[in-house]
């Protein structure tokens, strides 16, 4: 795993600007939701699950079709991402925030899914033409917000953000 990318992820101001106006330019047409209750409902919704699953499936399909040898590293990269990045972020940042805000496990699950998928996209960065949806979602997290849903049929439509 790329250690500099892992360190970069640890420096993200996770959720610091949720509720503040969306100022930073985002890679998606985005709409701000009304608060944590709506954000938590959306991040657990079937529509968001379908959109993020479709996005991840596009990466695996792309690798399977165009970079089979590289695709063989998938499981090792995923394990490394969980151990090196997600577990650490859960312990140092996300869990305390979720507990303090009364958000529960849904926040941890959503952020974990997004970060693991972003790590996968980053690790396959040398594969020309690979999808980068989750790396784009990281820009939302870097701006201190939480990407929590999708309005419309993905990849059309707009991102919902808190």
N, C-alpha and C. Protein backbone atom coordinates (compact mmCIF):
# COMPACT_ATOMS: atom_id res chain seq x y z
N UNK A 1 0.84 -1.18 0.00
CA UNK A 1 0.00 0.00 0.00
C UNK A 1 0.88 1.24 0.00
N UNK A 2 0.43 2.25 -0.73
CA UNK A 2 1.16 3.51 -0.83
C UNK A 2 1.08 4.25 0.51
N UNK A 3 2.18 4.31 1.22
CA UNK A 3 2.22 4.89 2.56
C UNK A 3 1.93 6.39 2.53
N UNK A 4 2.37 7.09 1.50
CA UNK A 4 2.10 8.52 1.45
C UNK A 4 0.60 8.79 1.27
N UNK A 5 -0.08 7.93 0.54
CA UNK A 5 -1.52 8.09 0.39
C UNK A 5 -2.23 7.80 1.71
N UNK A 6 -1.78 6.78 2.43
CA UNK A 6 -2.35 6.46 3.74
C UNK A 6 -2.20 7.64 4.69
N UNK A 7 -1.02 8.25 4.68
CA UNK A 7 -0.76 9.42 5.54
C UNK A 7 -1.65 10.59 5.13
N UNK A 8 -1.84 10.77 3.84
CA UNK A 8 -2.72 11.83 3.34
C UNK A 8 -4.15 11.62 3.85
N UNK A 9 -4.61 10.38 3.85
CA UNK A 9 -5.96 10.08 4.33
C UNK A 9 -6.10 10.41 5.82
N UNK A 10 -5.06 10.17 6.58
CA UNK A 10 -5.10 10.45 8.01
C UNK A 10 -5.19 11.94 8.31
N UNK A 11 -4.78 12.78 7.36
CA UNK A 11 -4.78 14.23 7.56
C UNK A 11 -6.09 14.90 7.14
N UNK A 12 -7.01 14.14 6.60
CA UNK A 12 -8.30 14.71 6.17
C UNK A 12 -9.05 15.23 7.40
N UNK A 13 -9.65 16.41 7.30
CA UNK A 13 -10.45 16.94 8.43
C UNK A 13 -11.84 16.30 8.44
N UNK A 14 -11.89 15.04 8.79
CA UNK A 14 -13.11 14.24 8.70
C UNK A 14 -14.28 14.95 9.38
N UNK A 15 -15.31 15.27 8.59
CA UNK A 15 -16.61 15.78 9.05
C UNK A 15 -16.56 17.16 9.71
N UNK A 16 -15.43 17.86 9.65
CA UNK A 16 -15.29 19.15 10.35
C UNK A 16 -16.24 20.23 9.86
N UNK A 17 -16.63 20.19 8.60
CA UNK A 17 -17.46 21.26 8.06
C UNK A 17 -18.87 20.81 7.70
N UNK A 18 -19.28 19.66 8.21
CA UNK A 18 -20.65 19.22 7.98
C UNK A 18 -21.60 20.27 8.56
N UNK A 19 -22.57 20.66 7.78
CA UNK A 19 -23.51 21.69 8.20
C UNK A 19 -23.13 23.08 7.73
N UNK A 20 -21.88 23.25 7.32
CA UNK A 20 -21.43 24.52 6.76
C UNK A 20 -21.75 24.54 5.27
N UNK A 21 -21.88 25.70 4.68
CA UNK A 21 -22.14 25.76 3.23
C UNK A 21 -21.04 25.05 2.44
N UNK A 22 -21.43 24.47 1.34
CA UNK A 22 -20.47 23.82 0.45
C UNK A 22 -19.73 24.91 -0.32
N UNK A 23 -18.48 25.13 0.05
CA UNK A 23 -17.69 26.19 -0.56
C UNK A 23 -16.71 25.62 -1.57
N UNK A 24 -16.02 24.57 -1.18
CA UNK A 24 -14.99 23.99 -2.05
C UNK A 24 -15.62 23.47 -3.34
N UNK A 25 -14.93 23.63 -4.44
CA UNK A 25 -15.45 23.03 -5.68
C UNK A 25 -15.46 21.51 -5.55
N UNK A 26 -16.57 20.92 -5.89
CA UNK A 26 -16.71 19.47 -5.78
C UNK A 26 -16.75 18.87 -7.18
N UNK A 27 -16.34 17.62 -7.30
CA UNK A 27 -16.29 16.99 -8.62
C UNK A 27 -17.66 16.55 -9.15
N UNK A 28 -18.70 16.79 -8.39
CA UNK A 28 -20.05 16.38 -8.77
C UNK A 28 -20.98 17.56 -8.62
N UNK A 29 -22.09 17.52 -9.33
CA UNK A 29 -23.19 18.40 -9.02
C UNK A 29 -23.67 17.92 -7.65
N UNK A 30 -23.76 18.82 -6.69
CA UNK A 30 -24.06 18.40 -5.33
C UNK A 30 -25.15 19.26 -4.72
N UNK A 31 -25.86 18.64 -3.79
CA UNK A 31 -26.90 19.33 -3.03
C UNK A 31 -26.69 19.01 -1.57
N UNK A 32 -26.78 20.02 -0.73
CA UNK A 32 -26.57 19.83 0.70
C UNK A 32 -27.87 19.35 1.35
N UNK A 33 -27.75 18.38 2.24
CA UNK A 33 -28.91 17.87 2.98
C UNK A 33 -29.08 18.68 4.26
N UNK A 34 -30.14 18.41 5.00
CA UNK A 34 -30.55 19.27 6.11
C UNK A 34 -29.87 18.98 7.45
N UNK A 35 -29.24 17.84 7.61
CA UNK A 35 -28.62 17.54 8.90
C UNK A 35 -28.22 16.09 9.01
N UNK A 36 -27.65 15.75 10.16
CA UNK A 36 -27.19 14.38 10.38
C UNK A 36 -28.31 13.34 10.28
N UNK A 37 -29.51 13.59 10.81
CA UNK A 37 -30.56 12.57 10.67
C UNK A 37 -30.82 12.22 9.20
N UNK A 38 -30.95 13.24 8.35
CA UNK A 38 -31.18 12.97 6.93
C UNK A 38 -29.96 12.30 6.30
N UNK A 39 -28.76 12.76 6.64
CA UNK A 39 -27.53 12.17 6.10
C UNK A 39 -27.42 10.69 6.46
N UNK A 40 -27.78 10.35 7.69
CA UNK A 40 -27.67 8.95 8.12
C UNK A 40 -28.73 8.08 7.43
N UNK A 41 -29.93 8.63 7.23
CA UNK A 41 -30.95 7.90 6.48
C UNK A 41 -30.48 7.65 5.05
N UNK A 42 -29.93 8.68 4.43
CA UNK A 42 -29.49 8.57 3.05
C UNK A 42 -28.32 7.61 2.88
N UNK A 43 -27.35 7.65 3.79
CA UNK A 43 -26.17 6.80 3.62
C UNK A 43 -26.51 5.32 3.84
N UNK A 44 -27.66 5.05 4.44
CA UNK A 44 -28.11 3.67 4.63
C UNK A 44 -29.17 3.27 3.61
N UNK A 45 -29.46 4.17 2.68
CA UNK A 45 -30.54 3.91 1.73
C UNK A 45 -30.11 2.97 0.61
N UNK A 46 -31.10 2.33 0.02
CA UNK A 46 -30.84 1.43 -1.10
C UNK A 46 -30.27 2.19 -2.29
N UNK A 47 -30.73 3.42 -2.52
CA UNK A 47 -30.24 4.20 -3.66
C UNK A 47 -28.74 4.48 -3.54
N UNK A 48 -28.27 4.85 -2.35
CA UNK A 48 -26.84 5.13 -2.15
C UNK A 48 -26.04 3.83 -2.21
N UNK A 49 -26.57 2.79 -1.62
CA UNK A 49 -25.90 1.49 -1.70
C UNK A 49 -25.76 1.05 -3.15
N UNK A 50 -26.82 1.20 -3.93
CA UNK A 50 -26.76 0.82 -5.35
C UNK A 50 -25.74 1.66 -6.11
N UNK A 51 -25.72 2.96 -5.87
CA UNK A 51 -24.79 3.84 -6.58
C UNK A 51 -23.35 3.49 -6.26
N UNK A 52 -23.04 3.30 -4.98
CA UNK A 52 -21.65 3.01 -4.61
C UNK A 52 -21.25 1.60 -5.01
N UNK A 53 -22.19 0.68 -4.99
CA UNK A 53 -21.88 -0.68 -5.45
C UNK A 53 -21.63 -0.68 -6.96
N UNK A 54 -22.45 0.05 -7.70
CA UNK A 54 -22.23 0.17 -9.15
C UNK A 54 -20.86 0.77 -9.44
N UNK A 55 -20.49 1.80 -8.67
CA UNK A 55 -19.19 2.44 -8.87
C UNK A 55 -18.04 1.47 -8.59
N UNK A 56 -18.16 0.71 -7.52
CA UNK A 56 -17.09 -0.25 -7.21
C UNK A 56 -17.07 -1.37 -8.25
N UNK A 57 -18.24 -1.81 -8.67
CA UNK A 57 -18.29 -2.87 -9.69
C UNK A 57 -17.66 -2.41 -11.00
N UNK A 58 -17.79 -1.14 -11.32
CA UNK A 58 -17.16 -0.64 -12.54
C UNK A 58 -15.64 -0.79 -12.47
N UNK A 59 -15.08 -0.57 -11.29
CA UNK A 59 -13.64 -0.73 -11.14
C UNK A 59 -13.24 -2.20 -11.30
N UNK A 60 -13.95 -3.10 -10.62
CA UNK A 60 -13.58 -4.51 -10.72
C UNK A 60 -13.78 -5.04 -12.14
N UNK A 61 -14.84 -4.62 -12.78
CA UNK A 61 -15.08 -5.04 -14.16
C UNK A 61 -13.98 -4.51 -15.09
N UNK A 62 -13.61 -3.26 -14.91
CA UNK A 62 -12.55 -2.66 -15.71
C UNK A 62 -11.24 -3.44 -15.53
N UNK A 63 -10.89 -3.72 -14.29
CA UNK A 63 -9.64 -4.44 -14.03
C UNK A 63 -9.70 -5.86 -14.59
N UNK A 64 -10.82 -6.52 -14.43
CA UNK A 64 -10.97 -7.88 -14.94
C UNK A 64 -10.81 -7.91 -16.46
N UNK A 65 -11.36 -6.93 -17.13
CA UNK A 65 -11.29 -6.90 -18.59
C UNK A 65 -9.94 -6.46 -19.14
N UNK A 66 -9.33 -5.48 -18.47
CA UNK A 66 -8.17 -4.82 -19.07
C UNK A 66 -6.84 -5.04 -18.34
N UNK A 67 -6.89 -5.48 -17.09
CA UNK A 67 -5.66 -5.60 -16.30
C UNK A 67 -5.75 -6.81 -15.38
N UNK A 68 -5.94 -7.97 -15.97
CA UNK A 68 -6.15 -9.19 -15.16
C UNK A 68 -5.00 -9.49 -14.21
N UNK A 69 -3.78 -9.29 -14.66
CA UNK A 69 -2.65 -9.57 -13.78
C UNK A 69 -2.67 -8.66 -12.55
N UNK A 70 -2.89 -7.39 -12.77
CA UNK A 70 -2.95 -6.44 -11.66
C UNK A 70 -4.15 -6.75 -10.75
N UNK A 71 -5.24 -7.17 -11.34
CA UNK A 71 -6.46 -7.47 -10.57
C UNK A 71 -6.23 -8.59 -9.55
N UNK A 72 -5.26 -9.43 -9.79
CA UNK A 72 -4.96 -10.53 -8.87
C UNK A 72 -4.50 -10.02 -7.50
N UNK A 73 -4.08 -8.78 -7.42
CA UNK A 73 -3.62 -8.19 -6.15
C UNK A 73 -4.78 -7.64 -5.31
N UNK A 74 -5.98 -7.68 -5.84
CA UNK A 74 -7.15 -7.03 -5.20
C UNK A 74 -7.29 -7.38 -3.72
N UNK A 75 -7.34 -8.66 -3.39
CA UNK A 75 -7.60 -9.07 -2.00
C UNK A 75 -6.51 -8.59 -1.06
N UNK A 76 -5.26 -8.67 -1.48
CA UNK A 76 -4.16 -8.20 -0.64
C UNK A 76 -4.23 -6.70 -0.39
N UNK A 77 -4.59 -5.95 -1.42
CA UNK A 77 -4.72 -4.51 -1.27
C UNK A 77 -5.87 -4.18 -0.32
N UNK A 78 -6.98 -4.89 -0.46
CA UNK A 78 -8.14 -4.64 0.40
C UNK A 78 -7.81 -4.92 1.86
N UNK A 79 -7.12 -6.02 2.13
CA UNK A 79 -6.73 -6.35 3.51
C UNK A 79 -5.81 -5.27 4.06
N UNK A 80 -4.84 -4.87 3.26
CA UNK A 80 -3.91 -3.83 3.69
C UNK A 80 -4.64 -2.51 3.96
N UNK A 81 -5.58 -2.14 3.11
CA UNK A 81 -6.35 -0.91 3.29
C UNK A 81 -7.13 -0.96 4.60
N UNK A 82 -7.74 -2.08 4.89
CA UNK A 82 -8.51 -2.21 6.14
C UNK A 82 -7.60 -2.09 7.35
N UNK A 83 -6.47 -2.80 7.31
CA UNK A 83 -5.57 -2.82 8.46
C UNK A 83 -4.85 -1.49 8.64
N UNK A 84 -4.29 -0.96 7.57
CA UNK A 84 -3.45 0.23 7.67
C UNK A 84 -4.25 1.53 7.77
N UNK A 85 -5.35 1.62 7.06
CA UNK A 85 -6.06 2.90 6.99
C UNK A 85 -7.38 2.89 7.76
N UNK A 86 -8.28 2.01 7.39
CA UNK A 86 -9.64 2.07 7.95
C UNK A 86 -9.65 1.79 9.45
N UNK A 87 -8.96 0.77 9.89
CA UNK A 87 -8.93 0.47 11.33
C UNK A 87 -8.36 1.64 12.12
N UNK A 88 -7.32 2.23 11.60
CA UNK A 88 -6.68 3.36 12.28
C UNK A 88 -7.61 4.57 12.32
N UNK A 89 -8.26 4.88 11.20
CA UNK A 89 -9.18 6.02 11.18
C UNK A 89 -10.38 5.79 12.09
N UNK A 90 -10.87 4.56 12.14
CA UNK A 90 -11.97 4.25 13.05
C UNK A 90 -11.57 4.55 14.49
N UNK A 91 -10.37 4.16 14.86
CA UNK A 91 -9.92 4.32 16.24
C UNK A 91 -9.51 5.75 16.57
N UNK A 92 -8.90 6.46 15.62
CA UNK A 92 -8.37 7.79 15.93
C UNK A 92 -9.34 8.93 15.64
N UNK A 93 -10.36 8.67 14.85
CA UNK A 93 -11.20 9.79 14.42
C UNK A 93 -12.69 9.45 14.35
N UNK A 94 -13.02 8.52 13.50
CA UNK A 94 -14.43 8.29 13.17
C UNK A 94 -15.29 7.82 14.34
N UNK A 95 -14.81 6.84 15.11
CA UNK A 95 -15.64 6.26 16.17
C UNK A 95 -15.98 7.31 17.23
N UNK A 96 -14.98 8.08 17.67
CA UNK A 96 -15.24 9.11 18.69
C UNK A 96 -16.23 10.14 18.18
N UNK A 97 -16.08 10.53 16.92
CA UNK A 97 -17.01 11.50 16.33
C UNK A 97 -18.42 10.92 16.28
N UNK A 98 -18.55 9.69 15.78
CA UNK A 98 -19.87 9.04 15.67
C UNK A 98 -20.51 8.90 17.04
N UNK A 99 -19.72 8.54 18.05
CA UNK A 99 -20.25 8.39 19.41
C UNK A 99 -20.69 9.75 19.96
N UNK A 100 -19.87 10.76 19.77
CA UNK A 100 -20.18 12.10 20.28
C UNK A 100 -21.46 12.65 19.65
N UNK A 101 -21.66 12.34 18.38
CA UNK A 101 -22.83 12.87 17.66
C UNK A 101 -24.03 11.92 17.72
N UNK A 102 -23.86 10.74 18.32
CA UNK A 102 -24.94 9.77 18.40
C UNK A 102 -25.30 9.15 17.06
N UNK A 103 -24.30 8.95 16.19
CA UNK A 103 -24.56 8.49 14.82
C UNK A 103 -24.46 6.99 14.65
N UNK A 104 -23.81 6.31 15.54
CA UNK A 104 -23.74 4.85 15.45
C UNK A 104 -22.83 4.33 14.36
N UNK A 105 -23.01 3.06 14.08
CA UNK A 105 -22.15 2.31 13.17
C UNK A 105 -22.33 2.69 11.70
N UNK A 106 -23.45 3.24 11.34
CA UNK A 106 -23.70 3.57 9.93
C UNK A 106 -22.65 4.53 9.37
N UNK A 107 -22.24 5.50 10.17
CA UNK A 107 -21.22 6.44 9.72
C UNK A 107 -19.91 5.70 9.46
N UNK A 108 -19.53 4.83 10.38
CA UNK A 108 -18.29 4.06 10.22
C UNK A 108 -18.34 3.17 9.00
N UNK A 109 -19.47 2.53 8.79
CA UNK A 109 -19.61 1.64 7.62
C UNK A 109 -19.51 2.42 6.32
N UNK A 110 -20.19 3.56 6.25
CA UNK A 110 -20.19 4.35 5.02
C UNK A 110 -18.79 4.90 4.72
N UNK A 111 -18.15 5.48 5.72
CA UNK A 111 -16.81 6.04 5.50
C UNK A 111 -15.81 4.92 5.17
N UNK A 112 -15.92 3.79 5.84
CA UNK A 112 -15.02 2.65 5.57
C UNK A 112 -15.15 2.18 4.13
N UNK A 113 -16.36 2.02 3.67
CA UNK A 113 -16.61 1.57 2.29
C UNK A 113 -15.98 2.54 1.30
N UNK A 114 -16.21 3.85 1.52
CA UNK A 114 -15.69 4.86 0.61
C UNK A 114 -14.17 4.89 0.60
N UNK A 115 -13.57 4.79 1.77
CA UNK A 115 -12.12 4.88 1.86
C UNK A 115 -11.45 3.64 1.28
N UNK A 116 -11.97 2.48 1.58
CA UNK A 116 -11.38 1.26 0.99
C UNK A 116 -11.45 1.33 -0.53
N UNK A 117 -12.59 1.75 -1.05
CA UNK A 117 -12.74 1.84 -2.50
C UNK A 117 -11.80 2.90 -3.09
N UNK A 118 -11.61 4.01 -2.38
CA UNK A 118 -10.67 5.04 -2.86
C UNK A 118 -9.24 4.51 -2.86
N UNK A 119 -8.89 3.75 -1.84
CA UNK A 119 -7.55 3.13 -1.80
C UNK A 119 -7.39 2.20 -2.99
N UNK A 120 -8.42 1.43 -3.29
CA UNK A 120 -8.34 0.50 -4.43
C UNK A 120 -8.11 1.28 -5.72
N UNK A 121 -8.88 2.34 -5.91
CA UNK A 121 -8.70 3.14 -7.12
C UNK A 121 -7.30 3.75 -7.17
N UNK A 122 -6.82 4.21 -6.04
CA UNK A 122 -5.47 4.79 -6.00
C UNK A 122 -4.40 3.74 -6.32
N UNK A 123 -4.55 2.58 -5.75
CA UNK A 123 -3.55 1.53 -5.95
C UNK A 123 -3.48 1.07 -7.40
N UNK A 124 -4.57 1.23 -8.12
CA UNK A 124 -4.60 0.85 -9.54
C UNK A 124 -4.44 2.08 -10.45
N UNK A 125 -3.85 3.14 -9.93
CA UNK A 125 -3.72 4.39 -10.68
C UNK A 125 -2.91 4.24 -11.96
N UNK A 126 -2.05 3.24 -12.04
CA UNK A 126 -1.25 3.05 -13.26
C UNK A 126 -2.05 2.39 -14.38
N UNK A 127 -3.26 1.94 -14.08
CA UNK A 127 -4.12 1.31 -15.09
C UNK A 127 -4.90 2.41 -15.80
N UNK A 128 -4.44 2.78 -16.97
CA UNK A 128 -5.04 3.87 -17.74
C UNK A 128 -6.53 3.65 -17.94
N UNK A 129 -7.31 4.70 -17.68
CA UNK A 129 -8.74 4.65 -17.91
C UNK A 129 -9.56 4.06 -16.79
N UNK A 130 -8.93 3.76 -15.65
CA UNK A 130 -9.68 3.14 -14.56
C UNK A 130 -10.66 4.15 -13.95
N UNK A 131 -11.81 3.68 -13.48
CA UNK A 131 -12.79 4.56 -12.84
C UNK A 131 -12.18 5.22 -11.59
N UNK A 132 -12.71 6.40 -11.23
CA UNK A 132 -12.16 7.10 -10.06
C UNK A 132 -13.25 7.76 -9.20
N UNK A 133 -14.42 7.18 -9.17
CA UNK A 133 -15.54 7.74 -8.41
C UNK A 133 -15.17 7.99 -6.95
N UNK A 134 -14.55 7.02 -6.30
CA UNK A 134 -14.27 7.14 -4.87
C UNK A 134 -13.13 8.11 -4.58
N UNK A 135 -12.18 8.21 -5.50
CA UNK A 135 -11.16 9.24 -5.34
C UNK A 135 -11.80 10.63 -5.44
N UNK A 136 -12.80 10.75 -6.27
CA UNK A 136 -13.54 12.01 -6.35
C UNK A 136 -14.33 12.26 -5.06
N UNK A 137 -14.92 11.19 -4.50
CA UNK A 137 -15.63 11.36 -3.21
C UNK A 137 -14.69 11.85 -2.12
N UNK A 138 -13.43 11.45 -2.19
CA UNK A 138 -12.47 11.91 -1.19
C UNK A 138 -12.37 13.44 -1.17
N UNK A 139 -12.61 14.08 -2.28
CA UNK A 139 -12.59 15.54 -2.31
C UNK A 139 -13.68 16.12 -1.41
N UNK A 140 -14.79 15.42 -1.31
CA UNK A 140 -15.87 15.85 -0.42
C UNK A 140 -15.41 15.71 1.03
N UNK A 141 -14.81 14.57 1.36
CA UNK A 141 -14.27 14.38 2.71
C UNK A 141 -13.17 15.39 3.01
N UNK A 142 -12.30 15.65 2.04
CA UNK A 142 -11.22 16.63 2.23
C UNK A 142 -11.78 18.02 2.52
N UNK A 143 -12.94 18.32 1.99
CA UNK A 143 -13.59 19.60 2.24
C UNK A 143 -14.31 19.61 3.59
N UNK A 144 -14.20 18.50 4.36
CA UNK A 144 -14.80 18.42 5.69
C UNK A 144 -16.25 18.01 5.71
N UNK A 145 -16.75 17.52 4.57
CA UNK A 145 -18.16 17.13 4.46
C UNK A 145 -18.30 15.62 4.37
N UNK A 146 -19.53 15.17 4.33
CA UNK A 146 -19.85 13.75 4.29
C UNK A 146 -20.73 13.47 3.07
N UNK A 147 -20.21 12.72 2.08
CA UNK A 147 -21.05 12.31 0.95
C UNK A 147 -22.00 11.22 1.42
N UNK A 148 -23.29 11.45 1.26
CA UNK A 148 -24.22 10.53 1.93
C UNK A 148 -25.32 9.96 1.05
N UNK A 149 -25.42 10.40 -0.18
CA UNK A 149 -26.51 9.86 -0.99
C UNK A 149 -26.41 10.32 -2.43
N UNK A 150 -27.33 9.79 -3.21
CA UNK A 150 -27.37 10.12 -4.62
C UNK A 150 -28.81 10.37 -5.02
N UNK A 151 -29.03 11.45 -5.75
CA UNK A 151 -30.36 11.77 -6.25
C UNK A 151 -30.35 11.54 -7.76
N UNK A 152 -31.27 10.71 -8.23
CA UNK A 152 -31.30 10.36 -9.64
C UNK A 152 -30.66 8.99 -9.85
N UNK A 153 -30.58 8.62 -11.10
CA UNK A 153 -29.99 7.32 -11.43
C UNK A 153 -28.51 7.49 -11.73
N UNK A 154 -27.67 6.91 -10.89
CA UNK A 154 -26.22 7.02 -11.04
C UNK A 154 -25.80 6.38 -12.35
N UNK A 155 -24.87 6.95 -13.10
CA UNK A 155 -24.00 8.07 -12.76
C UNK A 155 -24.58 9.45 -13.08
N UNK A 156 -25.78 9.51 -13.62
CA UNK A 156 -26.44 10.81 -13.78
C UNK A 156 -26.95 11.25 -12.43
N UNK A 157 -27.45 12.44 -12.35
CA UNK A 157 -28.00 12.92 -11.09
C UNK A 157 -27.00 13.74 -10.29
N UNK A 158 -27.22 13.77 -8.98
CA UNK A 158 -26.35 14.61 -8.15
C UNK A 158 -26.05 13.93 -6.83
N UNK A 159 -24.91 14.31 -6.29
CA UNK A 159 -24.45 13.82 -5.01
C UNK A 159 -25.14 14.60 -3.90
N UNK A 160 -25.53 13.90 -2.85
CA UNK A 160 -26.10 14.53 -1.66
C UNK A 160 -25.02 14.53 -0.59
N UNK A 161 -24.86 15.69 0.03
CA UNK A 161 -23.72 15.92 0.94
C UNK A 161 -24.20 16.58 2.21
N UNK A 162 -23.59 16.18 3.33
CA UNK A 162 -23.80 16.91 4.58
C UNK A 162 -22.47 17.49 5.03
